[in-house]
Amino acid sequence: MKHQRLYQLIGLVACAIGAALITGCSSTRAISDVAMGAGGAYLGHELSDGNPVATAAGAAGGVLLSEGLHYAANKASQKAYATGYDKGKSDAVKQQYWLYVSLQCQRNQVGSVRLYPVQLPEQRIDGVTFQPATKYLRIEE
């Protein structure tokens, strides 16, 4: 009889742990509340030899434990979301900064620049006479 009670207690604890593991999903909240409440009621009933006050207290304790686990899981989820959001904003700002630095480096980088002189002859365009001139064509490589 004593071993049977111990096995029942171990089985109940295993069920409670299983219910605690599924408390992270919001759709299973009612299920885990019921499971933890029933487990607490059973534990209170078995440990107190059928005392109804202990059974009710065990049920209430099981529900409170389930709600506490839901609260802790929700807080951890919110904290992880906030941390990821801040990291994402930080990464975007860093990416913009390094893009700007890269553009500055490319702009300041002087490669091979050549100026080719181009002789423009005297021209008459729309009644305006342009004098011969030398213009320079800039070529960057």
N, C-alpha and C. Protein backbone atom coordinates (compact mmCIF):
# COMPACT_ATOMS: atom_id res chain seq x y z
N MET A 1 0.83 -1.19 0.00
CA MET A 1 0.00 0.00 0.00
C MET A 1 0.87 1.25 0.00
N LYS A 2 1.95 1.21 0.78
CA LYS A 2 2.83 2.38 0.88
C LYS A 2 3.52 2.64 -0.46
N HIS A 3 3.95 1.58 -1.14
CA HIS A 3 4.60 1.74 -2.44
C HIS A 3 3.62 2.25 -3.49
N GLN A 4 2.38 1.80 -3.39
CA GLN A 4 1.36 2.24 -4.35
C GLN A 4 1.15 3.75 -4.23
N ARG A 5 1.12 4.27 -3.03
CA ARG A 5 0.94 5.70 -2.81
C ARG A 5 2.15 6.47 -3.37
N LEU A 6 3.35 5.93 -3.19
CA LEU A 6 4.56 6.55 -3.71
C LEU A 6 4.52 6.59 -5.23
N TYR A 7 4.09 5.49 -5.85
CA TYR A 7 4.00 5.46 -7.31
C TYR A 7 2.96 6.44 -7.83
N GLN A 8 1.85 6.56 -7.11
CA GLN A 8 0.82 7.51 -7.49
C GLN A 8 1.37 8.94 -7.39
N LEU A 9 2.11 9.20 -6.34
CA LEU A 9 2.69 10.52 -6.14
C LEU A 9 3.70 10.84 -7.24
N ILE A 10 4.52 9.88 -7.62
CA ILE A 10 5.50 10.09 -8.70
C ILE A 10 4.77 10.33 -10.02
N GLY A 11 3.72 9.58 -10.29
CA GLY A 11 2.93 9.77 -11.51
C GLY A 11 2.29 11.15 -11.53
N LEU A 12 1.79 11.59 -10.39
CA LEU A 12 1.18 12.90 -10.31
C LEU A 12 2.20 14.01 -10.55
N VAL A 13 3.37 13.87 -9.97
CA VAL A 13 4.42 14.87 -10.19
C VAL A 13 4.82 14.90 -11.66
N ALA A 14 4.89 13.73 -12.29
CA ALA A 14 5.22 13.69 -13.72
C ALA A 14 4.15 14.39 -14.53
N CYS A 15 2.88 14.18 -14.19
CA CYS A 15 1.79 14.89 -14.90
C CYS A 15 1.89 16.39 -14.68
N ALA A 16 2.21 16.81 -13.47
CA ALA A 16 2.33 18.23 -13.18
C ALA A 16 3.47 18.85 -13.97
N ILE A 17 4.57 18.13 -14.07
CA ILE A 17 5.71 18.64 -14.85
C ILE A 17 5.33 18.73 -16.32
N GLY A 18 4.63 17.73 -16.83
CA GLY A 18 4.17 17.77 -18.21
C GLY A 18 3.24 18.94 -18.46
N ALA A 19 2.34 19.19 -17.53
CA ALA A 19 1.44 20.35 -17.67
C ALA A 19 2.22 21.66 -17.60
N ALA A 20 3.25 21.68 -16.76
CA ALA A 20 4.06 22.90 -16.65
C ALA A 20 4.83 23.17 -17.94
N LEU A 21 5.21 22.12 -18.64
CA LEU A 21 5.96 22.31 -19.88
C LEU A 21 5.10 22.88 -21.00
N ILE A 22 3.80 22.65 -20.95
CA ILE A 22 2.95 23.17 -22.02
C ILE A 22 2.33 24.52 -21.66
N THR A 23 2.75 25.12 -20.56
CA THR A 23 2.15 26.40 -20.16
C THR A 23 2.61 27.55 -21.03
N GLY A 24 3.59 27.36 -21.88
CA GLY A 24 4.07 28.45 -22.71
C GLY A 24 3.12 28.80 -23.85
N CYS A 25 2.25 27.92 -24.23
CA CYS A 25 1.33 28.16 -25.34
C CYS A 25 0.02 28.70 -24.81
N SER A 26 -0.44 29.82 -25.34
CA SER A 26 -1.64 30.47 -24.80
C SER A 26 -2.89 29.64 -25.02
N SER A 27 -2.93 28.82 -26.06
CA SER A 27 -4.13 28.03 -26.32
C SER A 27 -4.28 26.89 -25.32
N THR A 28 -3.23 26.53 -24.62
CA THR A 28 -3.30 25.43 -23.66
C THR A 28 -3.42 25.94 -22.24
N ARG A 29 -3.64 27.23 -22.07
CA ARG A 29 -3.68 27.80 -20.73
C ARG A 29 -4.79 27.18 -19.89
N ALA A 30 -6.00 27.07 -20.43
CA ALA A 30 -7.11 26.48 -19.68
C ALA A 30 -6.84 25.01 -19.38
N ILE A 31 -6.25 24.33 -20.34
CA ILE A 31 -5.95 22.91 -20.15
C ILE A 31 -4.94 22.74 -19.03
N SER A 32 -3.90 23.54 -19.04
CA SER A 32 -2.89 23.39 -18.00
C SER A 32 -3.42 23.83 -16.65
N ASP A 33 -4.30 24.84 -16.60
CA ASP A 33 -4.91 25.24 -15.33
C ASP A 33 -5.73 24.09 -14.75
N VAL A 34 -6.52 23.44 -15.61
CA VAL A 34 -7.34 22.31 -15.17
C VAL A 34 -6.45 21.16 -14.71
N ALA A 35 -5.42 20.87 -15.51
CA ALA A 35 -4.54 19.75 -15.17
C ALA A 35 -3.79 20.00 -13.87
N MET A 36 -3.27 21.20 -13.71
CA MET A 36 -2.54 21.50 -12.48
C MET A 36 -3.49 21.56 -11.29
N GLY A 37 -4.70 22.10 -11.48
CA GLY A 37 -5.69 22.12 -10.40
C GLY A 37 -6.10 20.72 -10.00
N ALA A 38 -6.35 19.87 -10.98
CA ALA A 38 -6.72 18.48 -10.69
C ALA A 38 -5.57 17.75 -10.01
N GLY A 39 -4.38 18.00 -10.47
CA GLY A 39 -3.22 17.36 -9.85
C GLY A 39 -3.04 17.82 -8.41
N GLY A 40 -3.22 19.12 -8.18
CA GLY A 40 -3.11 19.63 -6.81
C GLY A 40 -4.20 19.08 -5.93
N ALA A 41 -5.41 18.96 -6.46
CA ALA A 41 -6.52 18.39 -5.69
C ALA A 41 -6.23 16.93 -5.34
N TYR A 42 -5.74 16.20 -6.31
CA TYR A 42 -5.41 14.79 -6.06
C TYR A 42 -4.32 14.67 -5.00
N LEU A 43 -3.29 15.49 -5.15
CA LEU A 43 -2.20 15.46 -4.17
C LEU A 43 -2.71 15.81 -2.78
N GLY A 44 -3.52 16.87 -2.68
CA GLY A 44 -4.07 17.26 -1.37
C GLY A 44 -4.94 16.16 -0.80
N HIS A 45 -5.74 15.51 -1.65
CA HIS A 45 -6.62 14.43 -1.20
C HIS A 45 -5.80 13.24 -0.71
N GLU A 46 -4.79 12.85 -1.48
CA GLU A 46 -3.99 11.68 -1.11
C GLU A 46 -3.13 11.92 0.13
N LEU A 47 -2.55 13.09 0.23
CA LEU A 47 -1.65 13.36 1.35
C LEU A 47 -2.40 13.62 2.65
N SER A 48 -3.66 14.06 2.55
CA SER A 48 -4.43 14.35 3.78
C SER A 48 -5.45 13.27 4.09
N ASP A 49 -5.40 12.17 3.39
CA ASP A 49 -6.33 11.05 3.59
C ASP A 49 -7.79 11.48 3.40
N GLY A 50 -8.05 12.29 2.37
CA GLY A 50 -9.42 12.63 2.00
C GLY A 50 -9.99 13.87 2.66
N ASN A 51 -9.20 14.67 3.30
CA ASN A 51 -9.69 15.90 3.94
C ASN A 51 -10.13 16.86 2.83
N PRO A 52 -11.42 17.31 2.83
CA PRO A 52 -11.90 18.17 1.75
C PRO A 52 -11.23 19.54 1.73
N VAL A 53 -10.84 20.05 2.86
CA VAL A 53 -10.16 21.36 2.89
C VAL A 53 -8.80 21.25 2.23
N ALA A 54 -8.08 20.19 2.51
CA ALA A 54 -6.77 19.98 1.90
C ALA A 54 -6.91 19.74 0.40
N THR A 55 -7.99 19.03 0.02
CA THR A 55 -8.23 18.79 -1.40
C THR A 55 -8.48 20.11 -2.13
N ALA A 56 -9.31 20.98 -1.56
CA ALA A 56 -9.59 22.28 -2.17
C ALA A 56 -8.34 23.15 -2.19
N ALA A 57 -7.57 23.11 -1.11
CA ALA A 57 -6.33 23.90 -1.06
C ALA A 57 -5.34 23.40 -2.11
N GLY A 58 -5.27 22.09 -2.29
CA GLY A 58 -4.38 21.53 -3.31
C GLY A 58 -4.80 21.96 -4.70
N ALA A 59 -6.12 21.97 -4.96
CA ALA A 59 -6.61 22.41 -6.27
C ALA A 59 -6.28 23.88 -6.49
N ALA A 60 -6.52 24.70 -5.48
CA ALA A 60 -6.21 26.12 -5.61
C ALA A 60 -4.71 26.33 -5.82
N GLY A 61 -3.92 25.57 -5.10
CA GLY A 61 -2.46 25.68 -5.25
C GLY A 61 -2.01 25.29 -6.65
N GLY A 62 -2.62 24.24 -7.20
CA GLY A 62 -2.28 23.82 -8.56
C GLY A 62 -2.61 24.87 -9.59
N VAL A 63 -3.80 25.50 -9.46
CA VAL A 63 -4.18 26.56 -10.39
C VAL A 63 -3.26 27.75 -10.25
N LEU A 64 -2.94 28.13 -9.00
CA LEU A 64 -2.02 29.26 -8.78
C LEU A 64 -0.64 28.96 -9.35
N LEU A 65 -0.19 27.73 -9.19
CA LEU A 65 1.11 27.36 -9.77
C LEU A 65 1.07 27.47 -11.29
N SER A 66 -0.02 27.00 -11.90
CA SER A 66 -0.15 27.09 -13.34
C SER A 66 -0.18 28.54 -13.81
N GLU A 67 -0.94 29.39 -13.12
CA GLU A 67 -1.00 30.81 -13.49
C GLU A 67 0.36 31.47 -13.32
N GLY A 68 1.08 31.10 -12.27
CA GLY A 68 2.42 31.65 -12.06
C GLY A 68 3.37 31.26 -13.18
N LEU A 69 3.27 30.02 -13.62
CA LEU A 69 4.12 29.57 -14.73
C LEU A 69 3.75 30.30 -16.02
N HIS A 70 2.44 30.53 -16.25
CA HIS A 70 2.03 31.30 -17.43
C HIS A 70 2.58 32.72 -17.37
N TYR A 71 2.50 33.34 -16.21
CA TYR A 71 2.99 34.70 -16.04
C TYR A 71 4.49 34.76 -16.32
N ALA A 72 5.24 33.81 -15.75
CA ALA A 72 6.69 33.79 -15.96
C ALA A 72 7.04 33.57 -17.43
N ALA A 73 6.31 32.67 -18.09
CA ALA A 73 6.57 32.41 -19.51
C ALA A 73 6.25 33.64 -20.35
N ASN A 74 5.17 34.34 -20.03
CA ASN A 74 4.79 35.55 -20.76
C ASN A 74 5.83 36.65 -20.57
N LYS A 75 6.29 36.83 -19.34
CA LYS A 75 7.32 37.85 -19.08
C LYS A 75 8.60 37.54 -19.84
N ALA A 76 9.01 36.27 -19.84
CA ALA A 76 10.22 35.89 -20.57
C ALA A 76 10.05 36.13 -22.07
N SER A 77 8.87 35.84 -22.59
CA SER A 77 8.61 36.06 -24.01
C SER A 77 8.66 37.54 -24.35
N GLN A 78 8.06 38.38 -23.52
CA GLN A 78 8.08 39.82 -23.76
C GLN A 78 9.50 40.37 -23.69
N LYS A 79 10.28 39.89 -22.75
CA LYS A 79 11.67 40.36 -22.62
C LYS A 79 12.49 39.94 -23.84
N ALA A 80 12.30 38.71 -24.31
CA ALA A 80 13.02 38.25 -25.50
C ALA A 80 12.63 39.06 -26.72
N TYR A 81 11.35 39.39 -26.85
CA TYR A 81 10.89 40.20 -27.98
C TYR A 81 11.53 41.59 -27.94
N ALA A 82 11.51 42.21 -26.76
CA ALA A 82 12.09 43.55 -26.64
C ALA A 82 13.58 43.54 -26.93
N THR A 83 14.27 42.52 -26.46
CA THR A 83 15.71 42.41 -26.72
C THR A 83 15.98 42.25 -28.21
N GLY A 84 15.21 41.40 -28.87
CA GLY A 84 15.39 41.20 -30.31
C GLY A 84 15.05 42.44 -31.11
N TYR A 85 14.02 43.16 -30.69
CA TYR A 85 13.63 44.39 -31.37
C TYR A 85 14.73 45.44 -31.26
N ASP A 86 15.28 45.60 -30.05
CA ASP A 86 16.37 46.56 -29.86
C ASP A 86 17.60 46.16 -30.66
N LYS A 87 17.90 44.88 -30.71
CA LYS A 87 19.06 44.42 -31.48
C LYS A 87 18.85 44.69 -32.96
N GLY A 88 17.63 44.47 -33.45
CA GLY A 88 17.33 44.73 -34.85
C GLY A 88 17.50 46.20 -35.20
N LYS A 89 17.02 47.09 -34.33
CA LYS A 89 17.19 48.53 -34.57
C LYS A 89 18.66 48.89 -34.55
N SER A 90 19.39 48.34 -33.61
CA SER A 90 20.82 48.63 -33.50
C SER A 90 21.56 48.17 -34.75
N ASP A 91 21.23 46.98 -35.23
CA ASP A 91 21.89 46.47 -36.44
C ASP A 91 21.58 47.32 -37.65
N ALA A 92 20.35 47.82 -37.75
CA ALA A 92 19.99 48.66 -38.89
C ALA A 92 20.76 49.97 -38.87
N VAL A 93 20.93 50.54 -37.69
CA VAL A 93 21.68 51.79 -37.58
C VAL A 93 23.15 51.55 -37.93
N LYS A 94 23.70 50.44 -37.44
CA LYS A 94 25.10 50.13 -37.76
C LYS A 94 25.29 49.91 -39.26
N GLN A 95 24.32 49.26 -39.88
CA GLN A 95 24.40 49.01 -41.32
C GLN A 95 24.38 50.33 -42.09
N GLN A 96 23.51 51.25 -41.69
CA GLN A 96 23.46 52.56 -42.33
C GLN A 96 24.78 53.31 -42.14
N TYR A 97 25.34 53.25 -40.94
CA TYR A 97 26.60 53.93 -40.66
C TYR A 97 27.72 53.40 -41.56
N TRP A 98 27.86 52.08 -41.63
CA TRP A 98 28.95 51.51 -42.42
C TRP A 98 28.74 51.73 -43.91
N LEU A 99 27.50 51.80 -44.35
CA LEU A 99 27.22 52.13 -45.74
C LEU A 99 27.68 53.55 -46.04
N TYR A 100 27.38 54.47 -45.14
CA TYR A 100 27.80 55.87 -45.30
C TYR A 100 29.32 55.99 -45.30
N VAL A 101 29.98 55.27 -44.40
CA VAL A 101 31.46 55.30 -44.36
C VAL A 101 32.02 54.75 -45.66
N SER A 102 31.43 53.69 -46.18
CA SER A 102 31.89 53.10 -47.44
C SER A 102 31.74 54.09 -48.59
N LEU A 103 30.62 54.79 -48.62
CA LEU A 103 30.43 55.79 -49.68
C LEU A 103 31.45 56.92 -49.56
N GLN A 104 31.74 57.32 -48.33
CA GLN A 104 32.75 58.37 -48.13
C GLN A 104 34.12 57.91 -48.61
N CYS A 105 34.46 56.67 -48.32
CA CYS A 105 35.77 56.15 -48.75
C CYS A 105 35.86 56.10 -50.27
N GLN A 106 34.78 55.69 -50.92
CA GLN A 106 34.79 55.63 -52.38
C GLN A 106 34.90 57.02 -52.99
N ARG A 107 34.22 57.98 -52.36
CA ARG A 107 34.25 59.35 -52.89
C ARG A 107 35.64 59.96 -52.72
N ASN A 108 36.30 59.67 -51.60
CA ASN A 108 37.61 60.25 -51.34
C ASN A 108 38.75 59.49 -52.01
N GLN A 109 38.44 58.34 -52.54
CA GLN A 109 39.47 57.52 -53.16
C GLN A 109 39.74 58.05 -54.57
N VAL A 110 40.97 58.49 -54.78
CA VAL A 110 41.34 59.01 -56.10
C VAL A 110 42.12 57.93 -56.80
N GLY A 111 41.54 57.45 -57.86
CA GLY A 111 42.23 56.44 -58.65
C GLY A 111 43.06 57.14 -59.72
N SER A 112 43.11 56.55 -60.84
CA SER A 112 43.84 57.12 -61.95
C SER A 112 42.92 58.11 -62.67
N VAL A 113 43.26 59.40 -62.57
CA VAL A 113 42.47 60.45 -63.23
C VAL A 113 43.33 61.05 -64.33
N ARG A 114 42.75 61.12 -65.51
CA ARG A 114 43.46 61.70 -66.65
C ARG A 114 42.61 62.81 -67.25
N LEU A 115 43.28 63.86 -67.70
CA LEU A 115 42.61 64.96 -68.39
C LEU A 115 43.09 64.97 -69.83
N TYR A 116 42.17 64.75 -70.74
CA TYR A 116 42.51 64.78 -72.16
C TYR A 116 42.06 66.10 -72.76
N PRO A 117 42.99 66.81 -73.40
CA PRO A 117 42.59 68.08 -74.03
C PRO A 117 41.84 67.81 -75.33
N VAL A 118 40.78 68.55 -75.51
CA VAL A 118 39.97 68.43 -76.73
C VAL A 118 39.91 69.82 -77.36
N GLN A 119 40.35 69.92 -78.61
CA GLN A 119 40.34 71.20 -79.34
C GLN A 119 38.98 71.40 -79.97
N LEU A 120 38.32 72.49 -79.62
CA LEU A 120 37.04 72.81 -80.23
C LEU A 120 37.27 73.92 -81.26
N PRO A 121 36.89 73.69 -82.51
CA PRO A 121 37.12 74.71 -83.55
C PRO A 121 36.08 75.83 -83.44
N GLU A 122 36.30 76.86 -84.20
CA GLU A 122 35.33 77.96 -84.24
C GLU A 122 34.04 77.41 -84.84
N GLN A 123 32.91 77.76 -84.18
CA GLN A 123 31.63 77.24 -84.64
C GLN A 123 30.60 78.35 -84.65
N ARG A 124 29.63 78.18 -85.52
CA ARG A 124 28.51 79.11 -85.55
C ARG A 124 27.25 78.29 -85.33
N ILE A 125 26.61 78.50 -84.17
CA ILE A 125 25.42 77.74 -83.80
C ILE A 125 24.30 78.73 -83.52
N ASP A 126 23.21 78.66 -84.29
CA ASP A 126 22.04 79.54 -84.13
C ASP A 126 22.42 81.02 -84.16
N GLY A 127 23.31 81.37 -85.03
CA GLY A 127 23.69 82.76 -85.19
C GLY A 127 24.73 83.23 -84.20
N VAL A 128 25.20 82.35 -83.32
CA VAL A 128 26.22 82.73 -82.33
C VAL A 128 27.52 82.09 -82.76
N THR A 129 28.57 82.90 -82.75
CA THR A 129 29.89 82.41 -83.13
C THR A 129 30.66 82.07 -81.86
N PHE A 130 31.13 80.84 -81.81
CA PHE A 130 31.95 80.40 -80.69
C PHE A 130 33.40 80.38 -81.15
N GLN A 131 34.26 80.96 -80.33
CA GLN A 131 35.68 81.03 -80.65
C GLN A 131 36.31 79.65 -80.42
N PRO A 132 37.42 79.39 -81.10
CA PRO A 132 38.10 78.12 -80.86
C PRO A 132 38.57 78.07 -79.41
N ALA A 133 38.47 76.88 -78.81
CA ALA A 133 38.85 76.74 -77.39
C ALA A 133 39.38 75.33 -77.16
N THR A 134 40.04 75.20 -76.02
CA THR A 134 40.52 73.88 -75.59
C THR A 134 39.75 73.52 -74.31
N LYS A 135 39.09 72.42 -74.33
CA LYS A 135 38.36 71.90 -73.16
C LYS A 135 39.05 70.60 -72.74
N TYR A 136 38.89 70.26 -71.47
CA TYR A 136 39.54 69.08 -70.94
C TYR A 136 38.47 68.04 -70.55
N LEU A 137 38.67 66.83 -70.99
CA LEU A 137 37.78 65.72 -70.72
C LEU A 137 38.39 64.91 -69.59
N ARG A 138 37.68 64.78 -68.48
CA ARG A 138 38.20 64.07 -67.31
C ARG A 138 37.81 62.59 -67.40
N ILE A 139 38.79 61.71 -67.28
CA ILE A 139 38.58 60.27 -67.33
C ILE A 139 39.10 59.67 -66.03
N GLU A 140 38.22 58.96 -65.29
CA GLU A 140 38.63 58.25 -64.06
C GLU A 140 38.63 56.77 -64.32
N GLU A 141 39.65 56.12 -63.84
CA GLU A 141 39.73 54.66 -63.99
C GLU A 141 39.82 54.02 -62.63
